[in-house]
Amino acid sequence: MKYFLALLTIFVTSLIYSQSVEFNLDETVVTNHEVTINSKQINYTAETGMQPVWDQQGKPIAGLQYTYYKVSNQKKNETSKERPLVISFNGGPGSASVWMHLAYTGPRVLNISDEGFPVQPYGYKENPYSILDVADIVYVNPVNTGYSRPVLDEKGNFDKSKFFGVNADVEYLAEWINTFVSRKDKWLAPKYLIGESYGTTRVAGLANRLQNSHWMYINGVILVSPTELGIERDGPIEIANRLPYFTAAAWYHDKLSPELQDKPILEALDEVERFTIQELIPALTMGGFLDSEKKKTIVEKMSYYSSIDEKVFLQNNLELPFNTFWKTLKIDDGYTVGRLDSRYLGLDGKEAGTRPDYNAELTAWLQSFTPAINDYLKNELNYKTDLKYNMFGNVYPWDRTQDNNTGKELRQAMAQNPSMEVMIQSGLFDGATTYFNAKYTMWHIDASGKMKDRLHFKTYESGHMMYLRKEDLETANNDIREFIKTSLPKANSPIKY
C-alpha cells in the first residue's frame, strides 16, 4: 500500500510562494561520476531524489530530498551492503544539508579561496579529500529545507508538530532513515551519523532513537561545531566559557599583548582555559559580593585575554555579551567580526551600537553556496524541479517546550553499545558554538568518566564551518577517515564490556 501511495504525484504550496508547485514524493535520478581521492580514482553513483516520510497509518506526510553517493569499485572482499554508511545532517534547525554536502565530505567542493572566501566564477570542483573512499554518504534535508516539503491538506495546511521540535525532529527522521537503510540494503553496513551545529542535537538524539526504537546500532557519531545538547551551563559557567573564544578571535586579529600574541594559539588557549576554570568561574560565582581587590585582578586578566577594555567588563558586571565583542574587537580598524567565523569582517553603518548590522560570515557563505548547489543539482546530478531550494526554510514555530535531553540520550546510546565512538570537531574562531563550550559538552556527556576514552576532540584554526579553509578541509576529512577506520570493530570480535 505504501508504494502505491508513493507513486502519487501531489501538489504542494510553497511556504515562500503562493502558487502550487508540483513534485513527486518518491522519485530518484541516478548519475555516474568519478573523483580522485588521495591519488586514487573512485567511481561512484549519485542518487538524488525524494523519499517519503510515513505516518503511523502508512500515509505519506512529507517528501525528503536527499543525495546518496555510493562507490562503484569496492575494495577487495567488500560488498556494497557491508560498506560503511555515513548519514549527514546540517543544523539550523531550518538549514539544508548543503553546507557539509558541497564543502566538506562529499565528492565535490566549492570553488572558494584557500581561506574560504567567495570567488568568481561561482561553482564547484572535485574534492580530493572527500571521505567517499572509506564510506558511502547520504545527505538528508529535513522538512522545508532544500527541496524537502510536507504534504498539505485540502486547505493548504500541515501538522507542524509532527516535524518542528527537538523530539518530533528526531522521531520522524529516524523513521525515514529506517526506510532508507532498508531500501538501500545497508542493514549489514557499519553506520555513522554526522551532524553540524543543530545537526549535532539531531544526531545525538538519533543515535539513541535508532537503537531503542528501530534496533539499528550506530558505530560512531561525529559532532561538528556542537550545540549544548541540553547539558546545563547557565550562570557563571556560561559567562566564563566565553573567554577562551574571545582570546582565540583576538589572537587571530593580532589584538593581544605581545607576550600572549607571540605564543602559538593552542599554548595561549591552554593558559586562558586554566584561568577560566581555576579563577574566573569561582570569582563569577561570588557575584556582587566578590572582593574588590579580587575583582580588580579578575577584570585585568579578562581584558588581557580578550583585548577588550577593562571598563567594558566593569560596565557589564564582568559579563561581556557576544554582540559587544563582535562589535568592539576591531572597532578601531572600522570593522566588526563575524559570529560563526570571526575571521570574516563586516562594515557597519555606524561605529556606535551594541551589535553588528549583519553576520559578515553568513553573507559570504550564501554568496558562494547558493549558486553552486542550484547549479550542481540541476546540471551535474540532473535533478530538475520548480521547487525553490531553501538554504534556510521556515520551521516556525519550533517546539521548545520539549526538553532537550540529547546529551543524555547520546550517553545512553554509548552505554548500550560498547563499540560506539564519538568525535567532536570544533573551530577555534567559532563564536556561535565555541570550541570551549564544545569541550565542556564533551566533558559532561558522561559524568562518570567511564567512557571518556571513547570521546575524541579535534580543533581547527577556522570557524563554525572549519572545512571552508583548505588546510582544515584536508585535516578534518582525514580525522573523519581515521575515526571511521579505527572505530570499526575487528571482524568476529565480541562487542562487549
Protein backbone atom coordinates (compact mmCIF):
# COMPACT_ATOMS: atom_id res chain seq x y z
CA MET A 1 0.00 0.00 0.00
CA LYS A 2 2.82 2.37 0.84
CA TYR A 3 4.41 2.05 -2.58
CA PHE A 4 1.13 2.70 -4.40
CA LEU A 5 0.75 5.87 -2.36
CA ALA A 6 4.35 6.82 -3.02
CA LEU A 7 3.74 6.93 -6.75
CA LEU A 8 1.12 9.59 -6.28
CA THR A 9 2.19 12.99 -7.54
CA ILE A 10 0.86 15.69 -5.26
CA PHE A 11 0.63 19.43 -5.34
CA VAL A 12 2.32 21.38 -2.58
CA THR A 13 2.02 25.06 -1.81
CA SER A 14 5.42 26.56 -1.25
CA LEU A 15 5.92 28.46 2.01
CA ILE A 16 7.60 31.20 0.03
CA TYR A 17 5.27 31.50 -2.98
CA SER A 18 1.51 31.37 -3.18
CA GLN A 19 1.27 29.23 -6.32
CA SER A 20 1.21 25.42 -6.25
CA VAL A 21 4.37 23.59 -7.28
CA GLU A 22 4.19 20.00 -8.45
CA PHE A 23 6.65 17.42 -7.12
CA ASN A 24 6.83 13.67 -6.81
CA LEU A 25 7.02 12.23 -3.30
CA ASP A 26 9.02 9.22 -4.42
CA GLU A 27 11.46 9.65 -7.25
CA THR A 28 15.17 9.31 -7.93
CA VAL A 29 17.67 10.30 -10.58
CA VAL A 30 20.91 8.29 -10.79
CA THR A 31 24.08 9.55 -12.47
CA ASN A 32 27.61 8.16 -12.76
CA HIS A 33 30.75 10.04 -11.75
CA GLU A 34 34.34 9.76 -10.70
CA VAL A 35 36.64 11.60 -8.29
CA THR A 36 40.31 11.29 -7.37
CA ILE A 37 40.86 10.98 -3.62
CA ASN A 38 44.37 10.59 -2.21
CA SER A 39 45.64 9.92 -5.75
CA LYS A 40 43.16 7.08 -6.28
CA GLN A 41 40.29 7.24 -8.77
CA ILE A 42 36.91 6.48 -7.20
CA ASN A 43 33.95 5.61 -9.43
CA TYR A 44 30.58 6.29 -7.86
CA THR A 45 26.90 6.81 -8.49
CA ALA A 46 24.95 9.80 -7.21
CA GLU A 47 21.30 9.17 -6.46
CA THR A 48 19.26 12.33 -5.94
CA GLY A 49 15.56 12.45 -5.26
CA MET A 50 12.68 12.27 -2.83
CA GLN A 51 11.78 9.59 -0.31
CA PRO A 52 8.52 9.82 1.65
CA VAL A 53 8.01 10.17 5.38
CA TRP A 54 5.20 7.85 6.51
CA ASP A 55 2.86 8.34 9.45
CA GLN A 56 1.71 5.52 11.73
CA GLN A 57 -1.15 4.71 9.37
CA GLY A 58 1.21 4.30 6.43
CA LYS A 59 0.24 7.56 4.74
CA PRO A 60 2.86 9.91 3.27
CA ILE A 61 3.15 13.15 5.24
CA ALA A 62 6.27 14.63 3.63
CA GLY A 63 8.89 14.08 0.97
CA LEU A 64 12.53 14.44 1.98
CA GLN A 65 15.05 15.30 -0.68
CA TYR A 66 18.37 13.51 -0.34
CA THR A 67 21.58 12.83 -2.26
CA TYR A 68 23.20 9.42 -1.88
CA TYR A 69 26.74 8.71 -3.03
CA LYS A 70 27.62 5.04 -3.49
CA VAL A 71 31.04 3.81 -4.57
CA SER A 72 31.04 1.50 -7.59
CA ASN A 73 34.52 -0.02 -7.26
CA GLN A 74 34.54 -1.59 -3.82
CA LYS A 75 37.67 -2.84 -2.13
CA LYS A 76 38.61 -6.49 -2.45
CA ASN A 77 36.34 -8.72 -0.35
CA GLU A 78 33.97 -5.78 0.34
CA THR A 79 30.35 -5.83 -0.78
CA SER A 80 28.14 -2.79 -1.21
CA LYS A 81 25.83 -3.75 1.62
CA GLU A 82 28.74 -4.09 4.05
CA ARG A 83 30.43 -0.82 3.14
CA PRO A 84 30.22 1.85 5.89
CA LEU A 85 27.39 4.38 5.54
CA VAL A 86 27.62 7.99 6.75
CA ILE A 87 24.28 9.76 7.28
CA SER A 88 24.79 13.53 7.20
CA PHE A 89 22.68 16.38 8.60
CA ASN A 90 23.21 20.10 8.94
CA GLY A 91 21.56 22.30 11.51
CA GLY A 92 19.55 25.45 11.85
CA PRO A 93 17.24 23.64 12.72
CA GLY A 94 15.90 25.04 9.43
CA SER A 95 19.09 24.66 7.40
CA ALA A 96 19.57 22.48 4.32
CA SER A 97 22.27 19.82 4.15
CA VAL A 98 24.11 21.90 1.55
CA TRP A 99 26.99 23.02 3.78
CA MET A 100 28.75 19.74 4.50
CA HIS A 101 27.48 18.27 1.23
CA LEU A 102 29.15 20.78 -1.08
CA ALA A 103 32.04 21.96 1.06
CA TYR A 104 33.23 19.15 3.35
CA THR A 105 32.81 15.40 3.00
CA GLY A 106 31.23 15.00 -0.46
CA PRO A 107 32.97 14.34 -3.80
CA ARG A 108 32.51 17.96 -4.93
CA VAL A 109 33.62 21.07 -3.08
CA LEU A 110 33.01 24.80 -3.54
CA ASN A 111 35.20 26.93 -5.71
CA ILE A 112 36.38 29.34 -2.99
CA SER A 113 39.64 30.86 -1.81
CA ASP A 114 42.02 28.80 0.33
CA GLU A 115 40.75 30.66 3.41
CA GLY A 116 37.08 30.13 2.49
CA PHE A 117 36.06 33.43 0.90
CA PRO A 118 33.86 33.73 -2.23
CA VAL A 119 35.50 33.86 -5.63
CA GLN A 120 34.08 34.13 -9.12
CA PRO A 121 33.25 32.29 -11.22
CA TYR A 122 31.00 30.62 -8.65
CA GLY A 123 30.80 26.87 -8.74
CA TYR A 124 32.44 23.68 -7.55
CA LYS A 125 35.25 21.27 -8.32
CA GLU A 126 36.50 17.83 -7.30
CA ASN A 127 37.10 17.29 -3.61
CA PRO A 128 40.40 15.39 -3.29
CA TYR A 129 39.83 14.98 0.47
CA SER A 130 36.29 13.54 0.43
CA ILE A 131 35.62 10.56 2.73
CA LEU A 132 33.90 8.71 -0.13
CA ASP A 133 36.93 6.43 -0.35
CA VAL A 134 36.05 4.89 3.04
CA ALA A 135 32.24 5.20 3.20
CA ASP A 136 29.08 5.77 1.19
CA ILE A 137 27.32 9.01 2.18
CA VAL A 138 23.73 10.25 2.21
CA TYR A 139 22.91 13.93 2.77
CA VAL A 140 19.40 14.45 4.14
CA ASN A 141 17.28 17.62 4.03
CA PRO A 142 14.64 17.78 6.81
CA VAL A 143 11.17 19.17 6.07
CA ASN A 144 11.16 22.65 4.47
CA THR A 145 14.92 22.61 3.84
CA GLY A 146 16.44 22.08 0.42
CA TYR A 147 13.65 20.72 -1.77
CA SER A 148 12.00 18.76 1.08
CA ARG A 149 8.35 19.60 1.63
CA PRO A 150 5.37 18.48 3.74
CA VAL A 151 2.17 17.04 2.27
CA LEU A 152 -0.53 19.68 2.57
CA ASP A 153 -4.21 19.02 3.22
CA GLU A 154 -7.05 20.39 1.08
CA LYS A 155 -6.77 23.73 2.92
CA GLY A 156 -3.05 24.04 2.26
CA ASN A 157 -2.01 23.23 5.84
CA PHE A 158 0.03 20.54 7.56
CA ASP A 159 0.64 19.45 11.15
CA LYS A 160 3.83 21.27 12.12
CA SER A 161 4.03 19.42 15.44
CA LYS A 162 4.99 16.26 13.55
CA PHE A 163 8.22 17.88 12.35
CA PHE A 164 9.20 21.05 14.20
CA GLY A 165 10.60 20.32 17.66
CA VAL A 166 13.54 18.54 19.29
CA ASN A 167 11.76 15.23 19.80
CA ALA A 168 9.49 15.36 16.74
CA ASP A 169 12.52 16.06 14.53
CA VAL A 170 14.35 13.00 15.82
CA GLU A 171 11.28 10.77 15.65
CA TYR A 172 10.34 11.30 12.01
CA LEU A 173 13.95 11.37 10.79
CA ALA A 174 14.62 8.02 12.49
CA GLU A 175 11.63 6.56 10.62
CA TRP A 176 12.98 7.99 7.38
CA ILE A 177 16.45 6.53 8.00
CA ASN A 178 14.95 3.10 8.69
CA THR A 179 13.18 3.19 5.33
CA PHE A 180 16.31 4.42 3.56
CA VAL A 181 18.56 1.72 5.07
CA SER A 182 16.04 -0.97 4.13
CA ARG A 183 15.63 0.31 0.57
CA LYS A 184 19.38 0.55 0.01
CA ASP A 185 20.10 -2.83 1.65
CA LYS A 186 22.51 -1.30 4.20
CA TRP A 187 21.44 -3.13 7.36
CA LEU A 188 24.74 -5.03 7.48
CA ALA A 189 26.81 -1.87 6.98
CA PRO A 190 28.60 -0.06 9.82
CA LYS A 191 26.69 3.20 10.27
CA TYR A 192 27.85 6.67 11.23
CA LEU A 193 25.88 9.81 12.00
CA ILE A 194 27.41 13.22 11.37
CA GLY A 195 25.72 16.49 12.25
CA GLU A 196 26.80 20.11 12.25
CA SER A 197 25.56 22.80 14.65
CA TYR A 198 21.90 21.99 15.45
CA GLY A 199 22.57 18.85 13.45
CA THR A 200 24.58 17.65 16.46
CA THR A 201 21.40 17.82 18.54
CA ARG A 202 19.73 15.78 15.79
CA VAL A 203 22.33 13.03 15.56
CA ALA A 204 22.79 12.77 19.33
CA GLY A 205 19.07 12.11 19.66
CA LEU A 206 19.00 9.89 16.58
CA ALA A 207 21.75 7.61 17.92
CA ASN A 208 19.54 6.74 20.88
CA ARG A 209 16.26 6.68 18.94
CA LEU A 210 17.61 4.41 16.22
CA GLN A 211 18.99 1.96 18.75
CA ASN A 212 15.98 1.84 21.03
CA SER A 213 13.07 2.21 18.62
CA HIS A 214 14.49 0.73 15.41
CA TRP A 215 17.15 -1.62 16.83
CA MET A 216 19.67 -0.04 14.48
CA TYR A 217 23.04 0.22 16.22
CA ILE A 218 25.41 3.03 15.33
CA ASN A 219 29.20 2.65 15.14
CA GLY A 220 30.07 6.30 15.50
CA VAL A 221 28.71 9.81 15.92
CA ILE A 222 30.57 12.88 14.66
CA LEU A 223 29.60 16.22 16.20
CA VAL A 224 30.74 19.18 14.09
CA SER A 225 30.57 22.51 15.95
CA PRO A 226 28.20 21.02 18.55
CA THR A 227 25.40 22.72 20.42
CA GLU A 228 24.95 22.30 24.17
CA LEU A 229 22.93 19.06 23.73
CA GLY A 230 20.75 20.07 26.66
CA ILE A 231 23.68 19.98 29.10
CA GLU A 232 23.18 22.75 31.67
CA ARG A 233 25.75 25.56 31.95
CA ASP A 234 23.77 28.66 32.91
CA GLY A 235 25.11 31.42 35.16
CA PRO A 236 28.83 31.78 35.93
CA ILE A 237 29.86 28.81 33.80
CA GLU A 238 28.09 30.07 30.67
CA ILE A 239 29.63 33.53 31.11
CA ALA A 240 33.15 32.25 31.86
CA ASN A 241 33.12 29.77 28.99
CA ARG A 242 33.07 32.66 26.50
CA LEU A 243 36.55 33.90 27.38
CA PRO A 244 38.73 31.28 25.60
CA TYR A 245 36.89 32.04 22.35
CA PHE A 246 37.45 35.78 22.92
CA THR A 247 41.17 35.01 23.23
CA ALA A 248 41.19 32.94 20.05
CA ALA A 249 39.47 35.63 17.97
CA ALA A 250 41.68 38.39 19.40
CA TRP A 251 44.76 36.26 18.68
CA TYR A 252 43.70 35.82 15.05
CA HIS A 253 43.34 39.60 14.63
CA ASP A 254 46.65 40.38 16.40
CA LYS A 255 44.92 42.26 19.20
CA LEU A 256 46.57 40.64 22.24
CA SER A 257 49.52 41.86 24.25
CA PRO A 258 52.86 40.79 22.69
CA GLU A 259 53.73 38.20 25.34
CA LEU A 260 50.41 36.41 24.67
CA GLN A 261 50.18 37.16 20.95
CA ASP A 262 53.60 35.66 20.28
CA LYS A 263 52.60 32.28 21.67
CA PRO A 264 51.24 29.53 19.39
CA ILE A 265 47.47 29.73 19.60
CA LEU A 266 46.96 26.42 21.40
CA GLU A 267 49.54 27.40 24.00
CA ALA A 268 47.77 30.72 24.57
CA LEU A 269 44.42 28.93 24.85
CA ASP A 270 45.78 26.44 27.38
CA GLU A 271 46.70 29.42 29.55
CA VAL A 272 43.29 31.12 29.33
CA GLU A 273 41.48 27.82 29.88
CA ARG A 274 43.36 27.33 33.16
CA PHE A 275 42.43 30.85 34.22
CA THR A 276 38.80 30.28 33.24
CA ILE A 277 38.46 27.06 35.23
CA GLN A 278 40.61 27.86 38.23
CA GLU A 279 39.94 31.58 38.77
CA LEU A 280 37.16 33.06 36.66
CA ILE A 281 34.35 30.62 37.43
CA PRO A 282 34.92 30.82 41.22
CA ALA A 283 35.07 34.63 41.02
CA LEU A 284 31.85 34.94 38.98
CA THR A 285 30.11 32.63 41.44
CA MET A 286 30.53 35.34 44.09
CA GLY A 287 28.51 37.86 42.04
CA GLY A 288 28.21 41.28 43.71
CA PHE A 289 30.00 40.00 46.83
CA LEU A 290 33.29 39.40 45.06
CA ASP A 291 36.12 41.07 46.98
CA SER A 292 37.03 44.41 45.37
CA GLU A 293 40.75 43.60 45.06
CA LYS A 294 39.99 40.19 43.61
CA LYS A 295 37.53 41.79 41.20
CA LYS A 296 40.21 44.22 40.05
CA THR A 297 42.60 41.33 39.36
CA ILE A 298 39.95 39.32 37.50
CA VAL A 299 38.96 42.28 35.30
CA GLU A 300 42.59 42.97 34.42
CA LYS A 301 43.03 39.36 33.30
CA MET A 302 39.76 39.29 31.35
CA SER A 303 40.91 42.37 29.49
CA TYR A 304 44.36 40.85 28.97
CA TYR A 305 42.89 37.66 27.49
CA SER A 306 40.34 39.40 25.24
CA SER A 307 41.91 42.79 24.34
CA ILE A 308 38.62 44.43 25.39
CA ASP A 309 38.97 47.46 27.69
CA GLU A 310 38.54 46.81 31.43
CA LYS A 311 35.86 49.49 31.57
CA VAL A 312 33.63 47.46 29.23
CA PHE A 313 33.80 44.45 31.54
CA LEU A 314 33.00 46.59 34.57
CA GLN A 315 30.08 48.24 32.80
CA ASN A 316 28.68 44.77 32.09
CA ASN A 317 29.28 43.37 35.61
CA LEU A 318 32.02 41.12 34.17
CA GLU A 319 29.58 39.56 31.68
CA LEU A 320 30.76 40.60 28.23
CA PRO A 321 27.97 39.94 25.68
CA PHE A 322 29.00 38.23 22.45
CA ASN A 323 27.44 41.02 20.39
CA THR A 324 29.55 43.60 22.20
CA PHE A 325 32.68 41.61 21.49
CA TRP A 326 31.90 41.23 17.77
CA LYS A 327 31.13 44.95 17.56
CA THR A 328 34.12 46.10 19.62
CA LEU A 329 37.13 43.88 18.82
CA LYS A 330 38.15 45.72 15.64
CA ILE A 331 36.24 48.97 16.11
CA ASP A 332 39.46 50.99 15.90
CA ASP A 333 40.03 49.50 12.45
CA GLY A 334 36.47 50.30 11.38
CA TYR A 335 35.18 46.70 11.21
CA THR A 336 33.03 44.18 13.02
CA VAL A 337 33.92 40.49 13.19
CA GLY A 338 31.75 37.52 12.26
CA ARG A 339 29.71 35.44 14.68
CA LEU A 340 30.03 31.98 13.15
CA ASP A 341 33.57 32.65 11.99
CA SER A 342 35.37 35.64 13.43
CA ARG A 343 37.94 35.69 10.64
CA TYR A 344 35.32 37.43 8.49
CA LEU A 345 34.92 41.21 8.70
CA GLY A 346 31.80 43.36 8.39
CA LEU A 347 31.22 47.04 7.76
CA ASP A 348 28.54 48.75 9.85
CA GLY A 349 26.73 51.97 9.09
CA LYS A 350 27.75 53.38 12.47
CA GLU A 351 30.55 52.53 14.83
CA ALA A 352 28.15 53.21 17.70
CA GLY A 353 25.76 50.49 18.79
CA THR A 354 25.66 47.20 20.67
CA ARG A 355 25.77 44.67 17.84
CA PRO A 356 26.94 44.28 14.24
CA ASP A 357 24.47 45.23 11.50
CA TYR A 358 24.72 41.77 9.88
CA ASN A 359 26.56 38.44 10.01
CA ALA A 360 29.57 39.03 7.78
CA GLU A 361 30.47 35.36 7.51
CA LEU A 362 26.97 34.16 6.61
CA THR A 363 26.54 36.64 3.76
CA ALA A 364 29.88 35.48 2.33
CA TRP A 365 28.88 31.83 2.61
CA LEU A 366 25.49 32.32 0.96
CA GLN A 367 27.20 34.15 -1.89
CA SER A 368 29.29 31.02 -2.58
CA PHE A 369 26.89 28.19 -1.72
CA THR A 370 23.57 29.27 -3.25
CA PRO A 371 24.56 29.44 -6.91
CA ALA A 372 26.75 26.35 -6.57
CA ILE A 373 24.14 23.99 -5.09
CA ASN A 374 21.43 25.09 -7.53
CA ASP A 375 23.73 24.55 -10.49
CA TYR A 376 25.17 21.30 -9.13
CA LEU A 377 21.84 19.56 -8.52
CA LYS A 378 20.44 20.61 -11.88
CA ASN A 379 23.40 20.24 -14.21
CA GLU A 380 25.66 17.57 -12.71
CA LEU A 381 23.15 15.43 -10.81
CA ASN A 382 20.38 16.05 -13.37
CA TYR A 383 17.72 16.73 -10.73
CA LYS A 384 15.21 19.21 -12.11
CA THR A 385 12.35 20.79 -10.19
CA ASP A 386 10.48 24.09 -9.96
CA LEU A 387 10.69 24.00 -6.16
CA LYS A 388 12.87 26.64 -4.56
CA TYR A 389 15.97 25.27 -2.86
CA ASN A 390 15.64 26.51 0.72
CA MET A 391 19.08 27.27 2.11
CA PHE A 392 17.09 28.18 5.22
CA GLY A 393 13.47 27.07 5.47
CA ASN A 394 10.52 28.07 7.62
CA VAL A 395 10.37 25.72 10.63
CA TYR A 396 8.42 28.12 12.82
CA PRO A 397 7.20 27.56 15.44
CA TRP A 398 9.91 25.19 16.64
CA ASP A 399 8.59 23.48 19.77
CA ARG A 400 10.97 24.49 22.53
CA THR A 401 8.69 23.22 25.30
CA GLN A 402 10.12 19.76 24.69
CA ASP A 403 13.09 19.05 26.94
CA ASN A 404 16.38 18.73 25.11
CA ASN A 405 17.94 15.64 26.64
CA THR A 406 20.01 14.71 23.61
CA GLY A 407 23.31 14.76 25.54
CA LYS A 408 21.89 12.23 27.99
CA GLU A 409 20.43 10.24 25.12
CA LEU A 410 23.83 10.08 23.42
CA ARG A 411 25.40 8.84 26.66
CA GLN A 412 22.69 6.19 26.94
CA ALA A 413 23.31 5.05 23.36
CA MET A 414 27.05 4.79 24.06
CA ALA A 415 26.44 2.84 27.25
CA GLN A 416 24.20 0.36 25.46
CA ASN A 417 26.64 -0.07 22.60
CA PRO A 418 30.23 -0.72 23.75
CA SER A 419 31.57 -0.21 20.21
CA MET A 420 30.12 3.28 19.66
CA GLU A 421 32.68 6.09 19.46
CA VAL A 422 32.08 9.86 19.39
CA MET A 423 34.24 12.56 17.83
CA ILE A 424 33.82 16.33 18.24
CA GLN A 425 35.23 18.76 15.66
CA SER A 426 35.38 22.44 16.54
CA GLY A 427 36.76 25.63 15.01
CA LEU A 428 38.70 27.92 17.33
CA PHE A 429 37.21 31.09 15.80
CA ASP A 430 33.57 30.00 16.03
CA GLY A 431 31.64 32.45 18.22
CA ALA A 432 28.27 30.68 17.96
CA THR A 433 29.15 27.20 19.22
CA THR A 434 32.52 27.96 20.74
CA TYR A 435 35.29 25.40 20.94
CA PHE A 436 35.49 25.66 24.75
CA ASN A 437 31.74 25.08 25.10
CA ALA A 438 32.19 22.07 22.81
CA LYS A 439 34.93 20.82 25.11
CA TYR A 440 32.66 21.41 28.11
CA THR A 441 29.92 19.42 26.35
CA MET A 442 32.32 16.52 25.85
CA TRP A 443 33.39 16.61 29.49
CA HIS A 444 29.78 16.34 30.65
CA ILE A 445 28.28 13.81 28.24
CA ASP A 446 29.37 11.08 30.65
CA ALA A 447 29.86 12.44 34.16
CA SER A 448 31.11 9.05 35.39
CA GLY A 449 34.19 9.29 33.20
CA LYS A 450 33.92 5.60 32.35
CA MET A 451 33.55 6.26 28.62
CA LYS A 452 35.98 9.16 28.23
CA ASP A 453 38.34 7.04 26.12
CA ARG A 454 35.55 6.79 23.52
CA LEU A 455 35.16 10.57 23.24
CA HIS A 456 37.59 12.35 20.89
CA PHE A 457 38.17 16.09 20.42
CA LYS A 458 39.68 17.92 17.43
CA THR A 459 40.19 21.65 16.87
CA TYR A 460 40.99 23.67 13.75
CA GLU A 461 42.20 27.21 13.08
CA SER A 462 38.96 28.33 11.46
CA GLY A 463 35.32 28.85 12.41
CA HIS A 464 31.94 27.13 12.56
CA MET A 465 32.44 25.52 9.15
CA MET A 466 36.10 24.75 9.65
CA TYR A 467 36.29 22.87 6.36
CA LEU A 468 35.99 26.09 4.31
CA ARG A 469 39.67 26.70 5.00
CA LYS A 470 41.60 24.44 2.62
CA GLU A 471 44.15 23.29 5.20
CA ASP A 472 41.38 22.31 7.59
CA LEU A 473 39.33 20.69 4.80
CA GLU A 474 42.13 18.19 4.37
CA THR A 475 42.86 17.73 8.08
CA ALA A 476 39.23 17.45 9.19
CA ASN A 477 38.37 14.90 6.49
CA ASN A 478 41.43 12.88 7.42
CA ASP A 479 40.28 12.98 11.03
CA ILE A 480 36.90 11.54 9.99
CA ARG A 481 38.59 8.97 7.76
CA GLU A 482 40.79 7.81 10.64
CA PHE A 483 37.83 7.86 13.03
CA ILE A 484 35.86 5.52 10.76
CA LYS A 485 38.78 3.16 10.28
CA THR A 486 39.68 2.91 13.97
CA SER A 487 36.10 2.67 15.25
CA LEU A 488 35.22 -0.38 13.16
CA PRO A 489 35.19 -3.45 15.45
CA LYS A 490 37.51 -6.24 14.39
CA ALA A 491 35.78 -9.00 12.47
CA ASN A 492 34.32 -11.73 14.65
CA SER A 493 35.41 -9.92 17.81
CA PRO A 494 32.68 -9.86 20.51
CA ILE A 495 31.16 -6.43 21.19
CA LYS A 496 31.01 -6.35 24.98
CA TYR A 497 32.39 -4.75 28.11
